[in-house]
């Protein structure tokens, strides 16, 4: 049988501390702020005393209004920035209490924008803009706008590679069509032979026109 850690008197005292009395509940109800015309999520953010190092409600409201302004500015910047030029978000290894408070204050502000969003691109701009705004508030370094990041550079490399392949295919199609039309210049003939390299086909055979057409269709 388990031994009793607390006696009955101690348990009764703990129960009274855990359950507030009716008088305390009434006093808490009187001290509650009156509802305003602001969004309920914004009111929840304004009740966060950890955002600033002061208990003055006017300073809290001022800080939150400044955060809201930074959020709007970041969303507008993200919305007008091409995808390949958007900044890469940094990693924040140290999540302090102040940083957590900033994120908690931003969350209800972002919700109001997400509720009004009707497109996936708009939602993406809102989320990225909110992340950028948080980085600016907590002092995390962001790449300069317009500077190519590693990710955007990688996108440029594979896009350039695809464009080069398309250009080469178009050039080959043009020379095959030229040979099919009767152009027997040495450079054209050399290109046609390279196009059929590894295949036992003679350019003088009667069905070469059909083979040229099939090769052109494959390249398209």
C-alpha atoms as a PDB file:
ATOM      1  CA  UNK A   1       0.000   0.000   0.000  1.00  0.00           C
ATOM      2  CA  UNK A   2       1.333   3.452  -1.024  1.00  0.00           C
ATOM      3  CA  UNK A   3       2.282   5.854   1.749  1.00  0.00           C
ATOM      4  CA  UNK A   4       0.446   9.191   2.002  1.00  0.00           C
ATOM      5  CA  UNK A   5       2.752  12.043   0.980  1.00  0.00           C
ATOM      6  CA  UNK A   6       0.331  14.810   2.041  1.00  0.00           C
ATOM      7  CA  UNK A   7      -1.993  14.708   5.001  1.00  0.00           C
ATOM      8  CA  UNK A   8      -5.655  15.737   4.740  1.00  0.00           C
ATOM      9  CA  UNK A   9      -5.044  19.323   5.883  1.00  0.00           C
ATOM     10  CA  UNK A  10      -2.341  19.856   3.274  1.00  0.00           C
ATOM     11  CA  UNK A  11      -4.551  18.436   0.529  1.00  0.00           C
ATOM     12  CA  UNK A  12      -7.411  20.745   1.523  1.00  0.00           C
ATOM     13  CA  UNK A  13      -5.092  23.773   1.408  1.00  0.00           C
ATOM     14  CA  UNK A  14      -3.863  22.833  -2.057  1.00  0.00           C
ATOM     15  CA  UNK A  15      -7.433  22.366  -3.256  1.00  0.00           C
ATOM     16  CA  UNK A  16      -8.432  25.862  -2.046  1.00  0.00           C
ATOM     17  CA  UNK A  17      -5.420  27.414  -3.820  1.00  0.00           C
ATOM     18  CA  UNK A  18      -6.167  25.582  -7.059  1.00  0.00           C
ATOM     19  CA  UNK A  19      -9.873  26.591  -7.137  1.00  0.00           C
ATOM     20  CA  UNK A  20     -10.360  30.382  -6.777  1.00  0.00           C
ATOM     21  CA  UNK A  21     -13.132  31.591  -4.561  1.00  0.00           C
ATOM     22  CA  UNK A  22     -16.245  33.289  -5.884  1.00  0.00           C
ATOM     23  CA  UNK A  23     -15.010  36.693  -4.625  1.00  0.00           C
ATOM     24  CA  UNK A  24     -11.734  36.308  -6.492  1.00  0.00           C
ATOM     25  CA  UNK A  25     -13.617  35.283  -9.635  1.00  0.00           C
ATOM     26  CA  UNK A  26     -15.847  38.345  -9.372  1.00  0.00           C
ATOM     27  CA  UNK A  27     -12.839  40.633  -8.922  1.00  0.00           C
ATOM     28  CA  UNK A  28     -11.188  39.040 -11.953  1.00  0.00           C
ATOM     29  CA  UNK A  29     -14.369  39.631 -13.960  1.00  0.00           C
ATOM     30  CA  UNK A  30     -14.405  43.324 -12.998  1.00  0.00           C
ATOM     31  CA  UNK A  31     -10.749  43.713 -13.957  1.00  0.00           C
ATOM     32  CA  UNK A  32     -11.256  42.141 -17.399  1.00  0.00           C
ATOM     33  CA  UNK A  33     -10.938  44.623 -20.283  1.00  0.00           C
ATOM     34  CA  UNK A  34     -14.093  45.710 -22.033  1.00  0.00           C
ATOM     35  CA  UNK A  35     -14.581  44.513 -25.613  1.00  0.00           C
ATOM     36  CA  UNK A  36     -13.580  46.915 -28.356  1.00  0.00           C
ATOM     37  CA  UNK A  37     -14.142  47.150 -32.066  1.00  0.00           C
ATOM     38  CA  UNK A  38     -10.774  45.555 -32.818  1.00  0.00           C
ATOM     39  CA  UNK A  39     -10.380  42.032 -34.145  1.00  0.00           C
ATOM     40  CA  UNK A  40     -10.332  39.460 -31.280  1.00  0.00           C
ATOM     41  CA  UNK A  41      -7.012  38.062 -32.488  1.00  0.00           C
ATOM     42  CA  UNK A  42      -5.470  41.513 -32.338  1.00  0.00           C
ATOM     43  CA  UNK A  43      -6.808  41.987 -28.807  1.00  0.00           C
ATOM     44  CA  UNK A  44      -5.164  38.729 -27.795  1.00  0.00           C
ATOM     45  CA  UNK A  45      -1.868  39.977 -29.159  1.00  0.00           C
ATOM     46  CA  UNK A  46      -2.197  43.301 -27.325  1.00  0.00           C
ATOM     47  CA  UNK A  47      -2.574  41.427 -24.017  1.00  0.00           C
ATOM     48  CA  UNK A  48       0.942  39.994 -24.334  1.00  0.00           C
ATOM     49  CA  UNK A  49       3.077  41.853 -21.770  1.00  0.00           C
ATOM     50  CA  UNK A  50       6.291  40.099 -22.825  1.00  0.00           C
ATOM     51  CA  UNK A  51       6.551  41.959 -26.129  1.00  0.00           C
ATOM     52  CA  UNK A  52       8.034  45.030 -24.481  1.00  0.00           C
ATOM     53  CA  UNK A  53       9.896  45.675 -21.265  1.00  0.00           C
ATOM     54  CA  UNK A  54       7.126  47.722 -19.715  1.00  0.00           C
ATOM     55  CA  UNK A  55       3.690  47.294 -18.185  1.00  0.00           C
ATOM     56  CA  UNK A  56       2.362  50.511 -19.726  1.00  0.00           C
ATOM     57  CA  UNK A  57      -0.592  49.658 -21.995  1.00  0.00           C
ATOM     58  CA  UNK A  58       0.111  52.654 -24.236  1.00  0.00           C
ATOM     59  CA  UNK A  59       3.641  51.429 -24.915  1.00  0.00           C
ATOM     60  CA  UNK A  60       2.345  47.915 -25.590  1.00  0.00           C
ATOM     61  CA  UNK A  61      -0.178  49.259 -28.094  1.00  0.00           C
ATOM     62  CA  UNK A  62       2.496  51.376 -29.743  1.00  0.00           C
ATOM     63  CA  UNK A  63       4.858  48.414 -30.108  1.00  0.00           C
ATOM     64  CA  UNK A  64       2.131  46.204 -31.575  1.00  0.00           C
ATOM     65  CA  UNK A  65       1.084  48.913 -34.001  1.00  0.00           C
ATOM     66  CA  UNK A  66       4.690  49.189 -35.141  1.00  0.00           C
ATOM     67  CA  UNK A  67       4.874  45.414 -35.589  1.00  0.00           C
ATOM     68  CA  UNK A  68       1.666  45.495 -37.625  1.00  0.00           C
ATOM     69  CA  UNK A  69       3.134  48.217 -39.845  1.00  0.00           C
ATOM     70  CA  UNK A  70       6.311  46.150 -40.401  1.00  0.00           C
ATOM     71  CA  UNK A  71       4.168  43.124 -41.241  1.00  0.00           C
ATOM     72  CA  UNK A  72       2.142  45.038 -43.845  1.00  0.00           C
ATOM     73  CA  UNK A  73       5.311  46.436 -45.405  1.00  0.00           C
ATOM     74  CA  UNK A  74       6.937  42.983 -45.578  1.00  0.00           C
ATOM     75  CA  UNK A  75       3.841  41.430 -47.188  1.00  0.00           C
ATOM     76  CA  UNK A  76       3.700  44.188 -49.818  1.00  0.00           C
ATOM     77  CA  UNK A  77       7.402  43.758 -50.592  1.00  0.00           C
ATOM     78  CA  UNK A  78       7.058  39.983 -50.890  1.00  0.00           C
ATOM     79  CA  UNK A  79       3.986  40.298 -53.093  1.00  0.00           C
ATOM     80  CA  UNK A  80       5.824  42.553 -55.566  1.00  0.00           C
ATOM     81  CA  UNK A  81       9.086  40.564 -55.594  1.00  0.00           C
ATOM     82  CA  UNK A  82       9.585  37.838 -58.242  1.00  0.00           C
ATOM     83  CA  UNK A  83       9.857  34.315 -56.897  1.00  0.00           C
ATOM     84  CA  UNK A  84      13.524  33.925 -57.847  1.00  0.00           C
ATOM     85  CA  UNK A  85      14.486  37.172 -56.083  1.00  0.00           C
ATOM     86  CA  UNK A  86      12.741  36.539 -52.775  1.00  0.00           C
ATOM     87  CA  UNK A  87      15.110  36.376 -49.793  1.00  0.00           C
ATOM     88  CA  UNK A  88      16.112  33.072 -48.297  1.00  0.00           C
ATOM     89  CA  UNK A  89      15.028  32.896 -44.676  1.00  0.00           C
ATOM     90  CA  UNK A  90      17.849  32.358 -42.157  1.00  0.00           C
ATOM     91  CA  UNK A  91      17.897  29.685 -39.488  1.00  0.00           C
ATOM     92  CA  UNK A  92      17.283  30.945 -35.955  1.00  0.00           C
ATOM     93  CA  UNK A  93      18.943  28.432 -33.614  1.00  0.00           C
ATOM     94  CA  UNK A  94      18.392  30.426 -30.416  1.00  0.00           C
ATOM     95  CA  UNK A  95      14.696  30.886 -29.658  1.00  0.00           C
ATOM     96  CA  UNK A  96      14.617  33.215 -26.677  1.00  0.00           C
ATOM     97  CA  UNK A  97      11.557  34.186 -24.653  1.00  0.00           C
ATOM     98  CA  UNK A  98      11.432  37.543 -26.412  1.00  0.00           C
ATOM     99  CA  UNK A  99      11.498  35.884 -29.850  1.00  0.00           C
ATOM    100  CA  UNK A 100       8.713  33.518 -28.824  1.00  0.00           C
ATOM    101  CA  UNK A 101       6.664  36.480 -27.636  1.00  0.00           C
ATOM    102  CA  UNK A 102       7.182  38.253 -30.958  1.00  0.00           C
ATOM    103  CA  UNK A 103       5.983  35.176 -32.849  1.00  0.00           C
ATOM    104  CA  UNK A 104       2.939  34.839 -30.568  1.00  0.00           C
ATOM    105  CA  UNK A 105       2.079  38.486 -31.181  1.00  0.00           C
ATOM    106  CA  UNK A 106       2.402  38.105 -34.948  1.00  0.00           C
ATOM    107  CA  UNK A 107       0.271  34.952 -35.189  1.00  0.00           C
ATOM    108  CA  UNK A 108      -3.146  36.627 -34.699  1.00  0.00           C
ATOM    109  CA  UNK A 109      -2.160  39.445 -37.063  1.00  0.00           C
ATOM    110  CA  UNK A 110      -1.282  36.947 -39.791  1.00  0.00           C
ATOM    111  CA  UNK A 111      -4.582  35.118 -39.295  1.00  0.00           C
ATOM    112  CA  UNK A 112      -6.539  38.206 -40.345  1.00  0.00           C
ATOM    113  CA  UNK A 113      -4.612  38.318 -43.639  1.00  0.00           C
ATOM    114  CA  UNK A 114      -4.965  34.579 -44.258  1.00  0.00           C
ATOM    115  CA  UNK A 115      -8.734  34.715 -43.732  1.00  0.00           C
ATOM    116  CA  UNK A 116      -8.991  37.326 -46.494  1.00  0.00           C
ATOM    117  CA  UNK A 117      -6.707  35.422 -48.891  1.00  0.00           C
ATOM    118  CA  UNK A 118      -8.391  33.770 -51.857  1.00  0.00           C
ATOM    119  CA  UNK A 119      -5.350  32.608 -53.854  1.00  0.00           C
ATOM    120  CA  UNK A 120      -2.451  30.284 -53.125  1.00  0.00           C
ATOM    121  CA  UNK A 121       0.087  32.859 -54.339  1.00  0.00           C
ATOM    122  CA  UNK A 122      -1.405  35.438 -51.986  1.00  0.00           C
ATOM    123  CA  UNK A 123      -1.209  32.985 -49.081  1.00  0.00           C
ATOM    124  CA  UNK A 124       2.437  32.299 -49.920  1.00  0.00           C
ATOM    125  CA  UNK A 125       3.203  36.036 -49.925  1.00  0.00           C
ATOM    126  CA  UNK A 126       1.500  36.465 -46.550  1.00  0.00           C
ATOM    127  CA  UNK A 127       3.389  33.624 -44.868  1.00  0.00           C
ATOM    128  CA  UNK A 128       6.761  34.631 -46.291  1.00  0.00           C
ATOM    129  CA  UNK A 129       6.101  38.288 -45.485  1.00  0.00           C
ATOM    130  CA  UNK A 130       5.265  37.361 -41.893  1.00  0.00           C
ATOM    131  CA  UNK A 131       8.507  35.391 -41.588  1.00  0.00           C
ATOM    132  CA  UNK A 132      10.471  38.330 -42.995  1.00  0.00           C
ATOM    133  CA  UNK A 133       8.762  40.694 -40.543  1.00  0.00           C
ATOM    134  CA  UNK A 134       9.656  38.435 -37.603  1.00  0.00           C
ATOM    135  CA  UNK A 135      13.290  38.342 -38.749  1.00  0.00           C
ATOM    136  CA  UNK A 136      13.381  42.136 -38.907  1.00  0.00           C
ATOM    137  CA  UNK A 137      11.885  42.518 -35.434  1.00  0.00           C
ATOM    138  CA  UNK A 138      14.240  40.061 -33.730  1.00  0.00           C
ATOM    139  CA  UNK A 139      17.268  41.314 -35.684  1.00  0.00           C
ATOM    140  CA  UNK A 140      17.965  38.248 -37.830  1.00  0.00           C
ATOM    141  CA  UNK A 141      20.009  39.078 -40.930  1.00  0.00           C
ATOM    142  CA  UNK A 142      18.296  38.746 -44.306  1.00  0.00           C
ATOM    143  CA  UNK A 143      19.954  38.797 -47.756  1.00  0.00           C
ATOM    144  CA  UNK A 144      19.699  42.113 -49.594  1.00  0.00           C
ATOM    145  CA  UNK A 145      16.601  42.245 -51.796  1.00  0.00           C
ATOM    146  CA  UNK A 146      17.397  41.395 -55.396  1.00  0.00           C
ATOM    147  CA  UNK A 147      20.649  39.572 -54.597  1.00  0.00           C
ATOM    148  CA  UNK A 148      20.724  36.084 -56.050  1.00  0.00           C
ATOM    149  CA  UNK A 149      20.716  33.401 -53.390  1.00  0.00           C
ATOM    150  CA  UNK A 150      22.023  29.868 -53.668  1.00  0.00           C
ATOM    151  CA  UNK A 151      18.546  28.573 -54.418  1.00  0.00           C
ATOM    152  CA  UNK A 152      17.813  31.139 -57.134  1.00  0.00           C
ATOM    153  CA  UNK A 153      21.257  30.518 -58.665  1.00  0.00           C
ATOM    154  CA  UNK A 154      20.484  26.810 -58.830  1.00  0.00           C
ATOM    155  CA  UNK A 155      17.187  27.568 -60.573  1.00  0.00           C
ATOM    156  CA  UNK A 156      19.013  29.741 -63.111  1.00  0.00           C
ATOM    157  CA  UNK A 157      21.521  26.959 -63.863  1.00  0.00           C
ATOM    158  CA  UNK A 158      18.978  24.261 -64.692  1.00  0.00           C
ATOM    159  CA  UNK A 159      16.810  26.741 -66.601  1.00  0.00           C
ATOM    160  CA  UNK A 160      19.807  27.770 -68.720  1.00  0.00           C
ATOM    161  CA  UNK A 161      20.625  24.115 -69.359  1.00  0.00           C
ATOM    162  CA  UNK A 162      17.092  23.427 -70.615  1.00  0.00           C
ATOM    163  CA  UNK A 163      17.121  26.523 -72.813  1.00  0.00           C
ATOM    164  CA  UNK A 164      20.432  25.423 -74.358  1.00  0.00           C
ATOM    165  CA  UNK A 165      19.031  21.968 -75.163  1.00  0.00           C
ATOM    166  CA  UNK A 166      15.954  23.507 -76.779  1.00  0.00           C
ATOM    167  CA  UNK A 167      18.101  25.826 -78.882  1.00  0.00           C
ATOM    168  CA  UNK A 168      20.285  22.917 -80.089  1.00  0.00           C
ATOM    169  CA  UNK A 169      17.230  20.826 -80.943  1.00  0.00           C
ATOM    170  CA  UNK A 170      15.741  23.675 -82.968  1.00  0.00           C
ATOM    171  CA  UNK A 171      19.002  24.158 -84.852  1.00  0.00           C
ATOM    172  CA  UNK A 172      19.163  20.439 -85.659  1.00  0.00           C
ATOM    173  CA  UNK A 173      15.550  20.419 -86.842  1.00  0.00           C
ATOM    174  CA  UNK A 174      16.303  23.330 -89.156  1.00  0.00           C
ATOM    175  CA  UNK A 175      19.270  21.548 -90.752  1.00  0.00           C
ATOM    176  CA  UNK A 176      17.352  18.286 -91.157  1.00  0.00           C
ATOM    177  CA  UNK A 177      14.547  20.150 -92.913  1.00  0.00           C
ATOM    178  CA  UNK A 178      17.097  21.914 -95.087  1.00  0.00           C
ATOM    179  CA  UNK A 179      18.641  18.580 -96.147  1.00  0.00           C
ATOM    180  CA  UNK A 180      15.192  17.150 -96.807  1.00  0.00           C
ATOM    181  CA  UNK A 181      14.528  20.113 -99.108  1.00  0.00           C
ATOM    182  CA  UNK A 182      17.628  19.285-101.165  1.00  0.00           C
ATOM    183  CA  UNK A 183      20.414  21.268 -99.477  1.00  0.00           C
ATOM    184  CA  UNK A 184      23.545  19.095 -99.808  1.00  0.00           C
ATOM    185  CA  UNK A 185      26.130  21.511 -98.438  1.00  0.00           C
ATOM    186  CA  UNK A 186      28.954  19.728 -96.536  1.00  0.00           C
ATOM    187  CA  UNK A 187      28.015  21.283 -93.183  1.00  0.00           C
ATOM    188  CA  UNK A 188      24.386  20.226 -93.583  1.00  0.00           C
ATOM    189  CA  UNK A 189      25.346  16.718 -94.638  1.00  0.00           C
ATOM    190  CA  UNK A 190      27.734  16.395 -91.676  1.00  0.00           C
ATOM    191  CA  UNK A 191      24.948  17.434 -89.263  1.00  0.00           C
ATOM    192  CA  UNK A 192      22.558  14.865 -90.775  1.00  0.00           C
ATOM    193  CA  UNK A 193      25.161  12.087 -90.473  1.00  0.00           C
ATOM    194  CA  UNK A 194      25.703  13.017 -86.797  1.00  0.00           C
ATOM    195  CA  UNK A 195      21.944  12.937 -86.213  1.00  0.00           C
ATOM    196  CA  UNK A 196      21.820   9.321 -87.462  1.00  0.00           C
ATOM    197  CA  UNK A 197      25.086   8.247 -85.825  1.00  0.00           C
ATOM    198  CA  UNK A 198      25.019   4.607 -84.717  1.00  0.00           C
ATOM    199  CA  UNK A 199      22.208   3.769 -87.138  1.00  0.00           C
ATOM    200  CA  UNK A 200      22.936   1.911 -90.354  1.00  0.00           C
ATOM    201  CA  UNK A 201      21.287   4.402 -92.690  1.00  0.00           C
ATOM    202  CA  UNK A 202      22.592   5.664 -95.995  1.00  0.00           C
ATOM    203  CA  UNK A 203      21.676   9.211 -96.943  1.00  0.00           C
ATOM    204  CA  UNK A 204      21.269   8.107-100.561  1.00  0.00           C
ATOM    205  CA  UNK A 205      18.570   5.523 -99.815  1.00  0.00           C
ATOM    206  CA  UNK A 206      15.049   6.226-101.110  1.00  0.00           C
ATOM    207  CA  UNK A 207      13.424   6.113 -97.636  1.00  0.00           C
ATOM    208  CA  UNK A 208      15.767   8.744 -96.185  1.00  0.00           C
ATOM    209  CA  UNK A 209      12.994  11.334 -96.462  1.00  0.00           C
ATOM    210  CA  UNK A 210      10.753   9.253 -94.206  1.00  0.00           C
ATOM    211  CA  UNK A 211      13.587   8.769 -91.712  1.00  0.00           C
ATOM    212  CA  UNK A 212      14.260  12.506 -91.681  1.00  0.00           C
ATOM    213  CA  UNK A 213      10.586  13.206 -90.989  1.00  0.00           C
ATOM    214  CA  UNK A 214      10.543  10.697 -88.117  1.00  0.00           C
ATOM    215  CA  UNK A 215      13.704  12.197 -86.614  1.00  0.00           C
ATOM    216  CA  UNK A 216      12.272  15.712 -86.836  1.00  0.00           C
ATOM    217  CA  UNK A 217       9.069  14.598 -85.133  1.00  0.00           C
ATOM    218  CA  UNK A 218      11.092  12.970 -82.339  1.00  0.00           C
ATOM    219  CA  UNK A 219      13.035  16.175 -81.734  1.00  0.00           C
ATOM    220  CA  UNK A 220       9.831  18.199 -81.565  1.00  0.00           C
END
